Amino acid sequence: MKQKRVVPFLFLLILVFGQAQAALPNVAIDGKPFPSLSPMIKEVHPAVVNISTFSTQQYSYNPLLNDPFFRHFFNVPDQRQFQQKPKKRQQSAGSGVVVNAGDGIIMTNYHVIKGADEVQVSLADGRSFEAKILGEDAELDIAILKIKADDLVDVTIANSDVLEVGDFVVAIGNPFGLGQTVTTGVVSALGRTGLGIEGYENFIQTDASINPGNSGGALVNLAGELVGINTAIIAPSGGNVGIGFAIPSNMAKASMEQIIEHGEVKRGQIGVGIQDITPDLRKAFDIANGQGGVLVTNVMEDSPAEDAGLKSGDVIVAVDGKQTTSTGQLRSQIGMRTIGDKVTLTVIRDGDEEIIKVKVGKPSSITGLSGKIHALLEGVQFENESNKEGVRVVNISPNSSAAYSGLRPGDVIVAANKRRVYDLESLEKALARNKSSILLQVNRGSSSLFIVIR
């Protein structure tokens, strides 16, 4: 019996070792070849940088110290230090990746440099440079920096769409400020959404250790090509448990190209309301058992979706031939496109598959609103209810001012500042009555509640 158990184990060991030899460079140790990541790491290592950020923190002080009568009564000296709030320099550490050596372009996470007055980039060779922030994409958690330096080394940006679960990956960054560190693992899952980490989510999940300070660092394949930007972990116990997330390189690259060209990211929309398919919806819309995709709940008037012929009840199953399984993934697939681009949607309608081409439009042309709807609701994406009986909250960016407003995706706003809301236009008019606070009446599931935002 023991021999029968050993043989399959030996076969598996030989198979895995054989695959490793085929995938990894060989390094001679005592004249014997061993598979090793060392040659690849040596090439990528100089392209991963450490990022230090400096911000100004103002201490609070008693304003009475500026009152001459108060200082005289309590015999407080009249000193200039009471005229200004003292300041303190703070520093935090993160990582970044050189993606264009000639132009000094570095990619990192937005949350690494958020609120920084000064950003310092330290290279692997010991040099340090002050970086210019070219632009930020808070919804994707990407920031693009630029430094003036010679002899930089960059990494090639790979096509993250070809990644598969089980592919080997390597995470390189600066965890806990220890200096550059390498961890290895595999791609555990693709297209992870609904985590509430970012506005646009389509994460690569990996068991390669991603710890504090790794944010903004490189996730590379065995060829040393960039497949993702390390950004977050799930750590219920306070430490790494093997569930880390990276932004796919294709999404990060699309964001970077817009930032370099426009100084910002201009995301378009096609003008549809969407919803994940639940068992009840599957039965109500007669969707085949096991059919994946995203249900179209409504099509906005005068939108690219309406022009293309999309209808409420359609199930979008793919974008440009790539499978779509959730609302978060669909939003990310459309959000990667430049305004004016055409996307090919694979749609199930009444049990039949159809191909529909849609042009990505400007958000303003879809919603009909001029500018931001209200400063206190910045970061909230809305859409009209199909029955003209309110405005639905589609998404809330976690990095926005509205992230802690009390609103949730799926809420339907039926009144604002004591005025009935029927659509986006009536919501905008109602909100214009008060700039400093908002009173919203919201339908959430089968209940109704009021929310005050200040």
Protein backbone atom coordinates (compact mmCIF):
# COMPACT_ATOMS: atom_id res chain seq x y z
CA MET A 1 0.00 0.00 0.00
CA LYS A 2 2.82 2.41 0.82
CA GLN A 3 4.44 1.87 -2.55
CA LYS A 4 1.17 2.67 -4.35
CA ARG A 5 1.00 6.01 -2.54
CA VAL A 6 4.63 6.92 -3.16
CA VAL A 7 4.60 6.43 -6.92
CA PRO A 8 1.94 9.09 -7.71
CA PHE A 9 3.70 11.49 -5.32
CA LEU A 10 7.04 11.00 -7.05
CA PHE A 11 5.38 11.43 -10.42
CA LEU A 12 3.80 14.71 -9.27
CA LEU A 13 7.11 15.93 -7.87
CA ILE A 14 8.90 15.21 -11.15
CA LEU A 15 6.09 16.88 -13.11
CA VAL A 16 6.15 20.08 -11.01
CA PHE A 17 9.96 20.22 -10.99
CA GLY A 18 10.02 19.67 -14.75
CA GLN A 19 7.56 22.51 -15.30
CA ALA A 20 9.55 24.78 -13.00
CA GLN A 21 12.72 24.09 -14.98
CA ALA A 22 10.93 24.95 -18.18
CA ALA A 23 9.52 28.18 -16.75
CA LEU A 24 12.44 29.51 -14.71
CA PRO A 25 16.01 30.42 -15.67
CA ASN A 26 18.67 27.98 -14.48
CA VAL A 27 21.38 29.06 -12.05
CA ALA A 28 24.48 26.94 -11.53
CA ILE A 29 25.15 26.04 -7.91
CA ASP A 30 28.20 23.83 -7.34
CA GLY A 31 28.08 22.99 -11.03
CA LYS A 32 24.44 21.85 -10.88
CA PRO A 33 21.58 23.74 -12.60
CA PHE A 34 18.73 24.89 -10.36
CA PRO A 35 15.61 26.82 -11.38
CA SER A 36 15.78 30.36 -9.97
CA LEU A 37 14.01 33.71 -10.23
CA SER A 38 17.26 35.56 -9.56
CA PRO A 39 18.13 36.51 -13.19
CA MET A 40 14.66 38.01 -13.76
CA ILE A 41 14.64 39.83 -10.40
CA LYS A 42 18.00 41.43 -11.20
CA GLU A 43 16.50 42.91 -14.37
CA VAL A 44 13.29 44.17 -12.75
CA HIS A 45 14.78 45.27 -9.41
CA PRO A 46 16.08 48.70 -10.63
CA ALA A 47 12.65 49.63 -12.05
CA VAL A 48 10.84 49.35 -8.70
CA VAL A 49 11.24 52.49 -6.59
CA ASN A 50 10.48 53.54 -3.03
CA ILE A 51 8.20 56.54 -2.54
CA SER A 52 8.25 58.90 0.42
CA THR A 53 5.58 61.57 0.80
CA PHE A 54 5.69 64.71 2.88
CA SER A 55 2.58 66.54 4.00
CA THR A 56 1.88 69.47 6.29
CA GLN A 57 -0.10 68.93 9.46
CA GLN A 58 -1.41 71.97 11.29
CA TYR A 59 -1.80 71.76 15.05
CA SER A 60 -4.90 73.26 16.60
CA TYR A 61 -4.43 76.10 19.07
CA ASN A 62 -6.62 78.36 21.17
CA PRO A 63 -7.69 81.43 19.13
CA LEU A 64 -7.94 83.41 22.38
CA LEU A 65 -4.15 83.66 22.30
CA ASN A 66 -4.60 86.13 19.45
CA ASP A 67 -6.75 88.38 21.62
CA PRO A 68 -4.62 91.22 23.14
CA PHE A 69 -7.03 91.59 26.11
CA PHE A 70 -6.83 87.85 26.89
CA ARG A 71 -3.01 87.88 26.77
CA HIS A 72 -2.86 90.98 29.01
CA PHE A 73 -5.36 89.59 31.55
CA PHE A 74 -3.52 86.25 31.89
CA ASN A 75 -0.07 87.79 31.45
CA VAL A 76 0.64 85.81 28.24
CA PRO A 77 3.60 87.19 26.25
CA ASP A 78 2.83 88.67 22.85
CA GLN A 79 4.77 86.30 20.60
CA ARG A 80 4.52 85.66 16.89
CA GLN A 81 4.14 81.95 17.46
CA PHE A 82 0.54 82.61 18.46
CA GLN A 83 -0.23 84.23 15.12
CA GLN A 84 0.27 81.05 13.09
CA LYS A 85 -0.45 77.41 13.61
CA PRO A 86 2.70 75.33 14.04
CA LYS A 87 3.43 72.81 11.31
CA LYS A 88 4.95 69.38 11.25
CA ARG A 89 6.37 67.34 8.41
CA GLN A 90 5.06 63.81 8.05
CA GLN A 91 6.47 60.99 5.97
CA SER A 92 4.94 57.77 4.69
CA ALA A 93 6.40 55.00 2.55
CA GLY A 94 5.10 53.19 -0.50
CA SER A 95 6.31 51.82 -3.80
CA GLY A 96 6.22 52.67 -7.49
CA VAL A 97 7.25 51.30 -10.89
CA VAL A 98 9.24 53.00 -13.65
CA VAL A 99 7.26 52.33 -16.85
CA ASN A 100 9.03 54.80 -19.17
CA ALA A 101 12.73 55.30 -18.50
CA GLY A 102 13.23 57.91 -21.22
CA ASP A 103 10.54 60.26 -19.88
CA GLY A 104 10.97 59.37 -16.20
CA ILE A 105 7.36 58.15 -15.86
CA ILE A 106 6.49 56.26 -12.67
CA MET A 107 3.23 54.51 -11.84
CA THR A 108 1.97 54.10 -8.27
CA ASN A 109 -1.24 54.06 -6.22
CA TYR A 110 -3.22 57.22 -5.65
CA HIS A 111 -3.53 56.45 -1.94
CA VAL A 112 0.27 56.38 -1.64
CA ILE A 113 0.62 60.07 -2.62
CA LYS A 114 -2.83 61.35 -1.57
CA GLY A 115 -2.60 64.71 0.20
CA ALA A 116 1.16 64.98 -0.27
CA ASP A 117 2.85 68.38 -0.58
CA GLU A 118 6.06 66.75 -1.74
CA VAL A 119 6.85 63.33 -3.22
CA GLN A 120 10.35 61.87 -3.06
CA VAL A 121 11.40 58.89 -5.20
CA SER A 122 14.35 56.73 -4.17
CA LEU A 123 15.95 54.40 -6.71
CA ALA A 124 17.53 51.03 -6.09
CA ASP A 125 21.00 52.50 -6.79
CA GLY A 126 20.65 54.95 -3.88
CA ARG A 127 19.75 58.07 -5.85
CA SER A 128 16.78 60.19 -4.77
CA PHE A 129 14.67 62.68 -6.74
CA GLU A 130 11.73 64.96 -6.11
CA ALA A 131 8.80 63.84 -8.27
CA LYS A 132 6.15 65.85 -10.07
CA ILE A 133 2.60 64.51 -9.90
CA LEU A 134 1.34 64.45 -13.49
CA GLY A 135 -2.16 63.33 -12.55
CA GLU A 136 -4.35 61.13 -10.39
CA ASP A 137 -7.14 58.64 -10.93
CA ALA A 138 -8.75 58.28 -7.51
CA GLU A 139 -11.49 55.93 -8.73
CA LEU A 140 -8.93 53.42 -10.02
CA ASP A 141 -6.36 54.27 -7.31
CA ILE A 142 -3.63 55.15 -9.82
CA ALA A 143 -1.24 58.11 -9.79
CA ILE A 144 1.40 59.02 -12.38
CA LEU A 145 4.68 60.69 -11.36
CA LYS A 146 7.59 62.11 -13.33
CA ILE A 147 11.22 62.53 -12.33
CA LYS A 148 14.25 63.96 -14.12
CA ALA A 149 16.93 61.29 -13.93
CA ASP A 150 19.40 59.60 -16.25
CA ASP A 151 20.08 55.88 -16.60
CA LEU A 152 16.65 54.76 -15.46
CA VAL A 153 15.46 51.18 -15.99
CA ASP A 154 11.83 50.45 -16.79
CA VAL A 155 9.62 47.37 -17.03
CA THR A 156 7.61 46.27 -20.04
CA ILE A 157 3.85 46.52 -19.53
CA ALA A 158 2.28 43.16 -20.40
CA ASN A 159 -1.22 42.41 -21.63
CA SER A 160 -3.01 41.50 -18.40
CA ASP A 161 -5.96 40.06 -20.35
CA VAL A 162 -3.93 36.93 -21.13
CA LEU A 163 -3.37 36.13 -17.44
CA GLU A 164 -4.89 32.90 -16.22
CA VAL A 165 -5.58 31.50 -12.78
CA GLY A 166 -2.54 29.49 -11.72
CA ASP A 167 0.03 31.65 -13.54
CA PHE A 168 3.12 32.36 -11.42
CA VAL A 169 3.57 36.00 -10.36
CA VAL A 170 6.09 37.94 -8.29
CA ALA A 171 5.28 40.98 -6.10
CA ILE A 172 8.08 43.52 -5.62
CA GLY A 173 7.81 46.48 -3.26
CA ASN A 174 8.84 48.12 -0.01
CA PRO A 175 6.81 46.46 2.80
CA PHE A 176 6.94 48.10 6.23
CA GLY A 177 9.72 50.41 4.94
CA LEU A 178 12.20 47.54 5.09
CA GLY A 179 13.56 48.16 1.60
CA GLN A 180 12.88 46.30 -1.60
CA THR A 181 11.43 42.84 -1.01
CA VAL A 182 10.34 40.02 -3.32
CA THR A 183 7.44 37.62 -2.69
CA THR A 184 6.13 34.91 -5.00
CA GLY A 185 2.83 33.19 -5.62
CA VAL A 186 0.23 32.50 -8.27
CA VAL A 187 -2.82 34.23 -9.69
CA SER A 188 -5.60 33.01 -7.40
CA ALA A 189 -8.54 34.62 -9.24
CA LEU A 190 -9.35 37.22 -11.88
CA GLY A 191 -12.02 39.89 -12.19
CA ARG A 192 -12.56 40.35 -8.46
CA THR A 193 -15.17 43.09 -7.82
CA GLY A 194 -17.55 44.25 -5.12
CA LEU A 195 -14.83 44.73 -2.50
CA GLY A 196 -15.52 48.44 -1.96
CA ILE A 197 -11.83 49.28 -2.31
CA GLU A 198 -12.08 51.45 -5.41
CA GLY A 199 -14.67 52.96 -7.71
CA TYR A 200 -13.63 50.74 -10.63
CA GLU A 201 -12.76 47.21 -9.58
CA ASN A 202 -11.55 44.32 -11.69
CA PHE A 203 -8.73 43.02 -9.51
CA ILE A 204 -6.15 40.31 -9.97
CA GLN A 205 -6.18 38.23 -6.78
CA THR A 206 -2.88 36.66 -5.75
CA ASP A 207 -1.40 34.78 -2.82
CA ALA A 208 1.97 36.53 -3.31
CA SER A 209 2.40 38.45 -0.04
CA ILE A 210 1.36 42.11 -0.36
CA ASN A 211 2.04 43.96 2.88
CA PRO A 212 1.82 47.62 3.98
CA GLY A 213 4.32 49.56 1.88
CA ASN A 214 3.90 47.22 -1.10
CA SER A 215 1.16 49.49 -2.42
CA GLY A 216 2.07 50.87 -5.83
CA GLY A 217 4.70 48.17 -6.36
CA ALA A 218 5.02 45.77 -9.27
CA LEU A 219 3.28 42.48 -9.86
CA VAL A 220 5.25 40.79 -12.64
CA ASN A 221 5.12 37.51 -14.53
CA LEU A 222 8.08 35.12 -14.86
CA ALA A 223 9.29 37.08 -17.90
CA GLY A 224 9.66 40.19 -15.70
CA GLU A 225 6.75 41.98 -17.39
CA LEU A 226 4.34 44.17 -15.45
CA VAL A 227 0.91 42.53 -15.14
CA GLY A 228 -0.46 44.54 -12.21
CA ILE A 229 0.01 47.27 -9.60
CA ASN A 230 -0.18 45.93 -6.03
CA THR A 231 -2.87 47.83 -4.19
CA ALA A 232 -4.68 46.07 -1.31
CA ILE A 233 -5.04 43.01 0.91
CA ILE A 234 -7.71 41.36 2.99
CA ALA A 235 -6.24 40.96 6.46
CA PRO A 236 -8.87 39.99 9.07
CA SER A 237 -6.14 39.00 11.52
CA GLY A 238 -4.06 42.12 10.91
CA GLY A 239 -1.46 40.27 8.80
CA ASN A 240 -1.17 38.78 5.35
CA VAL A 241 -3.41 35.74 4.87
CA GLY A 242 -2.64 35.13 1.21
CA ILE A 243 -5.39 37.29 -0.30
CA GLY A 244 -3.89 40.28 -2.09
CA PHE A 245 -5.18 42.39 -4.97
CA ALA A 246 -3.53 44.16 -7.88
CA ILE A 247 -4.90 46.52 -10.52
CA PRO A 248 -4.53 44.85 -13.95
CA SER A 249 -1.84 46.47 -16.08
CA ASN A 250 -4.25 47.11 -18.96
CA MET A 251 -6.51 49.22 -16.72
CA ALA A 252 -3.56 51.08 -15.19
CA LYS A 253 -2.06 51.72 -18.64
CA ALA A 254 -5.34 53.11 -20.01
CA SER A 255 -5.54 55.48 -17.05
CA MET A 256 -1.88 56.52 -17.46
CA GLU A 257 -2.29 57.31 -21.16
CA GLN A 258 -5.20 59.66 -20.45
CA ILE A 259 -3.37 61.36 -17.59
CA ILE A 260 -0.30 61.97 -19.75
CA GLU A 261 -2.43 63.28 -22.63
CA HIS A 262 -5.11 65.25 -20.75
CA GLY A 263 -3.79 65.63 -17.21
CA GLU A 264 -6.84 63.72 -15.98
CA VAL A 265 -8.97 60.68 -16.75
CA LYS A 266 -12.10 61.29 -18.79
CA ARG A 267 -14.29 58.22 -18.40
CA GLY A 268 -17.26 57.69 -20.64
CA GLN A 269 -20.51 55.80 -20.27
CA ILE A 270 -22.96 54.13 -22.61
CA GLY A 271 -26.09 55.11 -20.67
CA VAL A 272 -27.58 51.97 -19.14
CA GLY A 273 -28.72 50.94 -15.70
CA ILE A 274 -27.36 47.51 -14.79
CA GLN A 275 -27.86 44.91 -12.10
CA ASP A 276 -26.33 41.56 -11.15
CA ILE A 277 -28.54 38.58 -11.94
CA THR A 278 -30.19 37.12 -8.82
CA PRO A 279 -32.25 33.89 -8.70
CA ASP A 280 -35.47 35.97 -8.54
CA LEU A 281 -34.45 38.09 -11.54
CA ARG A 282 -33.41 34.98 -13.45
CA LYS A 283 -36.91 33.57 -12.99
CA ALA A 284 -38.72 36.86 -13.65
CA PHE A 285 -36.86 37.56 -16.91
CA ASP A 286 -36.83 33.92 -18.01
CA ILE A 287 -33.03 33.82 -18.10
CA ALA A 288 -31.61 30.35 -18.73
CA ASN A 289 -30.30 28.51 -15.70
CA GLY A 290 -26.53 28.97 -15.47
CA GLN A 291 -26.50 31.93 -17.86
CA GLY A 292 -24.02 34.55 -16.61
CA GLY A 293 -23.85 38.23 -17.45
CA VAL A 294 -25.31 41.54 -16.35
CA LEU A 295 -28.97 42.53 -16.63
CA VAL A 296 -29.86 45.88 -18.27
CA THR A 297 -32.50 47.48 -16.01
CA ASN A 298 -33.07 50.63 -18.03
CA VAL A 299 -31.73 52.54 -21.02
CA MET A 300 -31.35 56.32 -20.68
CA GLU A 301 -32.95 58.61 -23.22
CA ASP A 302 -30.72 60.04 -25.96
CA SER A 303 -27.83 57.85 -24.79
CA PRO A 304 -25.39 55.84 -26.93
CA ALA A 305 -27.07 52.67 -25.62
CA GLU A 306 -30.47 53.81 -26.89
CA ASP A 307 -28.98 54.79 -30.25
CA ALA A 308 -27.37 51.33 -30.53
CA GLY A 309 -30.66 49.55 -29.80
CA LEU A 310 -30.04 48.15 -26.31
CA LYS A 311 -33.23 47.38 -24.40
CA SER A 312 -34.27 46.87 -20.81
CA GLY A 313 -34.14 43.15 -20.06
CA ASP A 314 -31.10 42.50 -22.25
CA VAL A 315 -28.32 40.46 -20.63
CA ILE A 316 -24.80 41.65 -21.49
CA VAL A 317 -22.48 38.63 -21.42
CA ALA A 318 -19.31 39.97 -23.06
CA VAL A 319 -17.51 43.19 -24.03
CA ASP A 320 -15.29 42.95 -27.11
CA GLY A 321 -15.37 39.18 -26.75
CA LYS A 322 -14.25 39.19 -23.11
CA GLN A 323 -16.71 37.60 -20.69
CA THR A 324 -18.67 39.84 -18.32
CA THR A 325 -19.86 38.32 -15.05
CA SER A 326 -20.72 41.25 -12.76
CA THR A 327 -21.78 44.89 -12.78
CA GLY A 328 -18.42 45.94 -11.35
CA GLN A 329 -16.58 44.17 -14.13
CA LEU A 330 -18.79 45.71 -16.82
CA ARG A 331 -18.25 49.20 -15.39
CA SER A 332 -14.50 48.62 -15.47
CA GLN A 333 -14.58 47.27 -19.02
CA ILE A 334 -16.44 50.36 -20.24
CA GLY A 335 -14.47 52.70 -17.98
CA MET A 336 -11.19 51.66 -19.63
CA ARG A 337 -12.39 52.95 -22.97
CA THR A 338 -11.76 56.45 -24.27
CA ILE A 339 -14.76 58.65 -25.01
CA GLY A 340 -15.65 58.09 -28.66
CA ASP A 341 -14.44 54.49 -28.77
CA LYS A 342 -16.79 51.79 -30.02
CA VAL A 343 -17.31 48.61 -28.00
CA THR A 344 -18.88 45.38 -29.17
CA LEU A 345 -21.40 43.94 -26.72
CA THR A 346 -22.57 40.34 -26.80
CA VAL A 347 -26.18 40.38 -25.60
CA ILE A 348 -28.75 37.69 -24.81
CA ARG A 349 -32.25 38.89 -25.78
CA ASP A 350 -35.24 36.56 -25.50
CA GLY A 351 -32.90 33.59 -25.46
CA ASP A 352 -31.05 34.60 -28.62
CA GLU A 353 -27.51 35.97 -28.83
CA GLU A 354 -27.04 39.33 -30.55
CA ILE A 355 -24.01 41.53 -31.27
CA ILE A 356 -24.49 45.24 -30.63
CA LYS A 357 -21.89 47.95 -31.22
CA VAL A 358 -22.08 50.97 -28.89
CA LYS A 359 -20.15 54.22 -28.93
CA VAL A 360 -18.82 55.36 -25.53
CA GLY A 361 -20.25 58.80 -24.74
CA LYS A 362 -19.55 61.63 -22.33
CA PRO A 363 -21.22 61.37 -18.91
CA SER A 364 -22.72 64.85 -19.31
CA SER A 365 -24.39 63.86 -22.60
CA ILE A 366 -26.05 60.91 -20.84
CA THR A 367 -27.21 62.51 -17.60
CA GLY A 368 -28.02 65.94 -19.03
CA LEU A 369 -26.53 67.59 -15.94
CA SER A 370 -24.12 70.52 -16.04
CA GLY A 371 -21.04 69.84 -13.94
CA LYS A 372 -21.16 68.28 -10.50
CA ILE A 373 -24.62 67.74 -9.09
CA HIS A 374 -23.57 68.90 -5.58
CA ALA A 375 -20.22 69.25 -3.78
CA LEU A 376 -21.43 67.01 -0.91
CA LEU A 377 -22.32 64.25 -3.39
CA GLU A 378 -19.07 64.30 -5.33
CA GLY A 379 -18.09 60.73 -6.18
CA VAL A 380 -21.67 59.40 -6.40
CA GLN A 381 -22.87 57.99 -9.72
CA PHE A 382 -26.61 58.30 -10.36
CA GLU A 383 -29.09 57.05 -12.93
CA ASN A 384 -32.79 57.69 -13.52
CA GLU A 385 -35.28 55.05 -12.44
CA SER A 386 -37.06 53.62 -15.48
CA ASN A 387 -40.48 54.61 -14.08
CA LYS A 388 -39.40 58.24 -13.48
CA GLU A 389 -40.04 57.76 -9.76
CA GLY A 390 -36.65 58.72 -8.39
CA VAL A 391 -32.89 58.55 -8.89
CA ARG A 392 -30.88 55.43 -8.14
CA VAL A 393 -27.39 55.46 -6.57
CA VAL A 394 -25.27 53.29 -8.88
CA ASN A 395 -21.85 53.62 -7.27
CA ILE A 396 -19.97 55.62 -4.64
CA SER A 397 -16.22 56.13 -5.00
CA PRO A 398 -14.50 55.07 -1.73
CA ASN A 399 -12.00 57.95 -2.06
CA SER A 400 -14.68 60.64 -2.48
CA SER A 401 -16.28 63.13 -0.10
CA ALA A 402 -19.53 61.13 -0.23
CA ALA A 403 -17.95 57.83 0.85
CA TYR A 404 -19.26 58.26 4.41
CA SER A 405 -22.50 60.05 3.56
CA GLY A 406 -24.70 57.11 4.57
CA LEU A 407 -25.82 56.46 1.00
CA ARG A 408 -25.40 52.97 -0.46
CA PRO A 409 -25.41 51.66 -4.03
CA GLY A 410 -28.98 50.64 -4.85
CA ASP A 411 -30.59 53.43 -2.81
CA VAL A 412 -33.36 55.31 -4.63
CA ILE A 413 -33.63 59.02 -3.83
CA VAL A 414 -37.30 60.06 -3.95
CA ALA A 415 -37.02 63.48 -2.30
CA ALA A 416 -34.31 66.07 -1.64
CA ASN A 417 -34.53 69.11 0.62
CA LYS A 418 -38.28 68.38 1.05
CA ARG A 419 -38.91 68.42 -2.70
CA ARG A 420 -40.11 65.43 -4.71
CA VAL A 421 -37.47 63.89 -6.99
CA TYR A 422 -38.50 62.26 -10.25
CA ASP A 423 -35.25 62.27 -12.22
CA LEU A 424 -31.73 63.70 -12.29
CA GLU A 425 -32.92 67.12 -13.43
CA SER A 426 -35.39 67.51 -10.54
CA LEU A 427 -32.73 66.24 -8.11
CA GLU A 428 -30.28 68.89 -9.29
CA LYS A 429 -32.87 71.64 -8.81
CA ALA A 430 -33.78 70.42 -5.33
CA LEU A 431 -30.15 70.24 -4.23
CA ALA A 432 -29.49 73.79 -5.46
CA ARG A 433 -31.66 75.12 -2.60
CA ASN A 434 -28.95 74.47 0.00
CA LYS A 435 -25.18 74.37 -0.58
CA SER A 436 -24.10 73.56 2.99
CA SER A 437 -26.33 70.57 3.77
CA ILE A 438 -28.67 68.08 2.12
CA LEU A 439 -31.78 66.29 3.36
CA LEU A 440 -32.51 63.16 1.33
CA GLN A 441 -35.45 60.76 1.52
CA VAL A 442 -34.27 57.35 0.36
CA ASN A 443 -36.01 54.08 -0.44
CA ARG A 444 -33.76 51.17 0.54
CA GLY A 445 -35.25 47.78 -0.18
CA SER A 446 -38.69 47.70 1.43
CA SER A 447 -37.97 50.56 3.88
CA SER A 448 -37.70 54.33 3.65
CA LEU A 449 -35.34 56.59 5.58
CA PHE A 450 -34.02 60.15 5.76
CA ILE A 451 -30.32 60.99 5.43
CA VAL A 452 -28.75 64.35 6.35
CA ILE A 453 -25.40 65.18 4.74
CA ARG A 454 -23.38 68.20 5.90
